[in-house]
Amino acid sequence: MPDTIPEDLQQFVNNELASGHYRSTRDLLVESLRLLQRDRTEAVEGIRAGLQNFETGRFQPLDEAFADLRQELGATE
């Protein structure tokens, strides 16, 4: 595993450490990886739910969805 932080991210790491939110670069990295893992898990679960909805016929045609959004937002065509 690489043990250096790319230069373009080093200032962010330094700021986070200086803020006191993290005790070490390792703690920041662990938290970052947990957030990445959570985001990916949520994305996969959302895709699976969407596919299941589609397979069971629970979907709205795109033109109807856009019409509903325009109505909700009070937008005109």
N, C-alpha and C. Protein backbone atom coordinates (compact mmCIF):
# COMPACT_ATOMS: atom_id res chain seq x y z
N MET A 1 0.85 -1.17 0.00
CA MET A 1 0.00 0.00 0.00
C MET A 1 0.91 1.24 0.00
N PRO A 2 0.57 2.21 -0.85
CA PRO A 2 1.41 3.41 -0.88
C PRO A 2 1.37 4.15 0.46
N ASP A 3 2.48 4.73 0.81
CA ASP A 3 2.54 5.44 2.09
C ASP A 3 2.69 6.95 1.92
N THR A 4 2.41 7.46 0.73
CA THR A 4 2.49 8.90 0.51
C THR A 4 1.15 9.41 0.01
N ILE A 5 0.88 10.65 0.33
CA ILE A 5 -0.34 11.32 -0.10
C ILE A 5 0.01 12.15 -1.33
N PRO A 6 -0.78 12.04 -2.41
CA PRO A 6 -0.48 12.87 -3.58
C PRO A 6 -0.45 14.35 -3.20
N GLU A 7 0.42 15.08 -3.86
CA GLU A 7 0.63 16.49 -3.54
C GLU A 7 -0.66 17.30 -3.57
N ASP A 8 -1.55 17.00 -4.53
CA ASP A 8 -2.78 17.78 -4.66
C ASP A 8 -3.74 17.56 -3.50
N LEU A 9 -3.54 16.51 -2.69
CA LEU A 9 -4.40 16.25 -1.53
C LEU A 9 -3.72 16.55 -0.20
N GLN A 10 -2.44 16.80 -0.24
CA GLN A 10 -1.69 16.98 1.01
C GLN A 10 -2.19 18.17 1.83
N GLN A 11 -2.54 19.29 1.18
CA GLN A 11 -3.03 20.45 1.92
C GLN A 11 -4.34 20.13 2.62
N PHE A 12 -5.21 19.38 1.94
CA PHE A 12 -6.47 18.97 2.57
C PHE A 12 -6.20 18.13 3.81
N VAL A 13 -5.30 17.17 3.68
CA VAL A 13 -4.94 16.32 4.82
C VAL A 13 -4.38 17.17 5.95
N ASN A 14 -3.49 18.08 5.63
CA ASN A 14 -2.91 18.95 6.66
C ASN A 14 -3.99 19.77 7.36
N ASN A 15 -4.94 20.31 6.60
CA ASN A 15 -6.03 21.10 7.19
C ASN A 15 -6.90 20.25 8.10
N GLU A 16 -7.21 19.03 7.69
CA GLU A 16 -8.03 18.15 8.51
C GLU A 16 -7.31 17.78 9.81
N LEU A 17 -6.03 17.51 9.71
CA LEU A 17 -5.26 17.18 10.91
C LEU A 17 -5.17 18.39 11.84
N ALA A 18 -4.96 19.58 11.26
CA ALA A 18 -4.85 20.80 12.06
C ALA A 18 -6.18 21.15 12.74
N SER A 19 -7.30 20.75 12.12
CA SER A 19 -8.62 21.06 12.68
C SER A 19 -8.91 20.24 13.93
N GLY A 20 -8.17 19.16 14.11
CA GLY A 20 -8.39 18.30 15.26
C GLY A 20 -9.43 17.22 15.03
N HIS A 21 -9.97 17.16 13.82
CA HIS A 21 -10.97 16.12 13.53
C HIS A 21 -10.35 14.72 13.51
N TYR A 22 -9.08 14.65 13.18
CA TYR A 22 -8.39 13.36 13.10
C TYR A 22 -7.08 13.45 13.86
N ARG A 23 -6.72 12.37 14.53
CA ARG A 23 -5.48 12.34 15.30
C ARG A 23 -4.27 12.06 14.42
N SER A 24 -4.51 11.36 13.30
CA SER A 24 -3.39 10.98 12.45
C SER A 24 -3.87 10.83 11.00
N THR A 25 -2.90 10.79 10.11
CA THR A 25 -3.21 10.56 8.70
C THR A 25 -3.89 9.20 8.55
N ARG A 26 -3.46 8.23 9.34
CA ARG A 26 -4.08 6.90 9.29
C ARG A 26 -5.56 6.98 9.65
N ASP A 27 -5.91 7.71 10.70
CA ASP A 27 -7.31 7.84 11.10
C ASP A 27 -8.14 8.48 9.98
N LEU A 28 -7.57 9.51 9.35
CA LEU A 28 -8.26 10.17 8.25
C LEU A 28 -8.47 9.20 7.09
N LEU A 29 -7.45 8.41 6.78
CA LEU A 29 -7.54 7.44 5.69
C LEU A 29 -8.58 6.37 6.00
N VAL A 30 -8.59 5.87 7.22
CA VAL A 30 -9.57 4.85 7.61
C VAL A 30 -10.99 5.38 7.46
N GLU A 31 -11.23 6.61 7.95
CA GLU A 31 -12.56 7.20 7.84
C GLU A 31 -12.93 7.43 6.38
N SER A 32 -11.99 7.87 5.57
CA SER A 32 -12.24 8.08 4.15
C SER A 32 -12.63 6.78 3.46
N LEU A 33 -11.94 5.72 3.77
CA LEU A 33 -12.24 4.42 3.17
C LEU A 33 -13.60 3.90 3.63
N ARG A 34 -13.95 4.14 4.88
CA ARG A 34 -15.28 3.72 5.37
C ARG A 34 -16.38 4.47 4.63
N LEU A 35 -16.18 5.76 4.41
CA LEU A 35 -17.18 6.54 3.68
C LEU A 35 -17.28 6.08 2.23
N LEU A 36 -16.15 5.79 1.60
CA LEU A 36 -16.15 5.28 0.24
C LEU A 36 -16.87 3.94 0.16
N GLN A 37 -16.60 3.07 1.11
CA GLN A 37 -17.25 1.77 1.15
C GLN A 37 -18.76 1.93 1.33
N ARG A 38 -19.18 2.81 2.23
CA ARG A 38 -20.61 3.06 2.46
C ARG A 38 -21.28 3.60 1.20
N ASP A 39 -20.63 4.57 0.55
CA ASP A 39 -21.20 5.14 -0.66
C ASP A 39 -21.36 4.10 -1.77
N ARG A 40 -20.37 3.26 -1.93
CA ARG A 40 -20.45 2.22 -2.96
C ARG A 40 -21.54 1.21 -2.63
N THR A 41 -21.63 0.83 -1.36
CA THR A 41 -22.66 -0.13 -0.95
C THR A 41 -24.05 0.45 -1.20
N GLU A 42 -24.24 1.73 -0.84
CA GLU A 42 -25.54 2.37 -1.07
C GLU A 42 -25.85 2.47 -2.56
N ALA A 43 -24.85 2.75 -3.37
CA ALA A 43 -25.06 2.84 -4.82
C ALA A 43 -25.49 1.49 -5.39
N VAL A 44 -24.82 0.43 -5.00
CA VAL A 44 -25.16 -0.90 -5.49
C VAL A 44 -26.57 -1.29 -5.04
N GLU A 45 -26.89 -1.00 -3.78
CA GLU A 45 -28.24 -1.32 -3.28
C GLU A 45 -29.30 -0.53 -4.05
N GLY A 46 -29.02 0.73 -4.38
CA GLY A 46 -29.96 1.53 -5.15
C GLY A 46 -30.15 1.01 -6.55
N ILE A 47 -29.08 0.57 -7.16
CA ILE A 47 -29.17 -0.01 -8.51
C ILE A 47 -29.98 -1.30 -8.47
N ARG A 48 -29.71 -2.13 -7.48
CA ARG A 48 -30.47 -3.39 -7.35
C ARG A 48 -31.96 -3.12 -7.15
N ALA A 49 -32.28 -2.14 -6.30
CA ALA A 49 -33.69 -1.80 -6.06
C ALA A 49 -34.33 -1.28 -7.34
N GLY A 50 -33.62 -0.45 -8.08
CA GLY A 50 -34.14 0.07 -9.34
C GLY A 50 -34.39 -1.03 -10.35
N LEU A 51 -33.47 -1.96 -10.45
CA LEU A 51 -33.65 -3.09 -11.37
C LEU A 51 -34.83 -3.95 -10.96
N GLN A 52 -34.98 -4.18 -9.67
CA GLN A 52 -36.11 -4.97 -9.18
C GLN A 52 -37.42 -4.26 -9.49
N ASN A 53 -37.47 -2.94 -9.29
CA ASN A 53 -38.67 -2.18 -9.63
C ASN A 53 -38.99 -2.30 -11.10
N PHE A 54 -37.98 -2.19 -11.93
CA PHE A 54 -38.19 -2.28 -13.37
C PHE A 54 -38.71 -3.67 -13.76
N GLU A 55 -38.09 -4.70 -13.20
CA GLU A 55 -38.48 -6.07 -13.52
C GLU A 55 -39.90 -6.39 -13.09
N THR A 56 -40.39 -5.72 -12.05
CA THR A 56 -41.75 -5.98 -11.57
C THR A 56 -42.76 -4.96 -12.11
N GLY A 57 -42.29 -4.12 -13.04
CA GLY A 57 -43.20 -3.19 -13.68
C GLY A 57 -43.46 -1.91 -12.91
N ARG A 58 -42.70 -1.68 -11.86
CA ARG A 58 -42.89 -0.45 -11.07
C ARG A 58 -41.93 0.63 -11.58
N PHE A 59 -42.36 1.28 -12.65
CA PHE A 59 -41.56 2.37 -13.19
C PHE A 59 -42.48 3.33 -13.92
N GLN A 60 -41.94 4.50 -14.24
CA GLN A 60 -42.70 5.53 -14.93
C GLN A 60 -41.94 5.88 -16.21
N PRO A 61 -42.64 5.97 -17.32
CA PRO A 61 -41.95 6.37 -18.55
C PRO A 61 -41.27 7.73 -18.36
N LEU A 62 -40.14 7.92 -19.01
CA LEU A 62 -39.32 9.11 -18.82
C LEU A 62 -40.07 10.40 -19.12
N ASP A 63 -40.86 10.42 -20.19
CA ASP A 63 -41.57 11.66 -20.52
C ASP A 63 -42.58 12.03 -19.43
N GLU A 64 -43.21 11.04 -18.82
CA GLU A 64 -44.12 11.31 -17.71
C GLU A 64 -43.36 11.79 -16.47
N ALA A 65 -42.20 11.20 -16.22
CA ALA A 65 -41.39 11.60 -15.07
C ALA A 65 -40.96 13.06 -15.22
N PHE A 66 -40.52 13.44 -16.42
CA PHE A 66 -40.12 14.83 -16.65
C PHE A 66 -41.30 15.77 -16.53
N ALA A 67 -42.46 15.37 -17.01
CA ALA A 67 -43.66 16.20 -16.88
C ALA A 67 -44.00 16.40 -15.41
N ASP A 68 -43.91 15.34 -14.62
CA ASP A 68 -44.17 15.46 -13.18
C ASP A 68 -43.18 16.40 -12.50
N LEU A 69 -41.91 16.29 -12.87
CA LEU A 69 -40.89 17.16 -12.30
C LEU A 69 -41.15 18.62 -12.67
N ARG A 70 -41.47 18.86 -13.94
CA ARG A 70 -41.77 20.24 -14.35
C ARG A 70 -42.94 20.80 -13.56
N GLN A 71 -43.96 19.97 -13.35
CA GLN A 71 -45.12 20.42 -12.60
C GLN A 71 -44.74 20.73 -11.15
N GLU A 72 -43.98 19.84 -10.52
CA GLU A 72 -43.55 20.03 -9.13
C GLU A 72 -42.72 21.30 -8.97
N LEU A 73 -41.89 21.58 -9.98
CA LEU A 73 -41.00 22.74 -9.91
C LEU A 73 -41.62 24.01 -10.46
N GLY A 74 -42.82 23.88 -11.02
CA GLY A 74 -43.49 25.04 -11.60
C GLY A 74 -42.80 25.54 -12.85
N ALA A 75 -42.11 24.65 -13.54
CA ALA A 75 -41.39 25.03 -14.75
C ALA A 75 -42.29 24.86 -15.97
N THR A 76 -42.08 25.70 -16.95
CA THR A 76 -42.81 25.57 -18.21
C THR A 76 -41.86 25.05 -19.27
N GLU A 77 -42.43 24.47 -20.29
CA GLU A 77 -41.60 23.91 -21.36
C GLU A 77 -41.06 24.94 -22.26
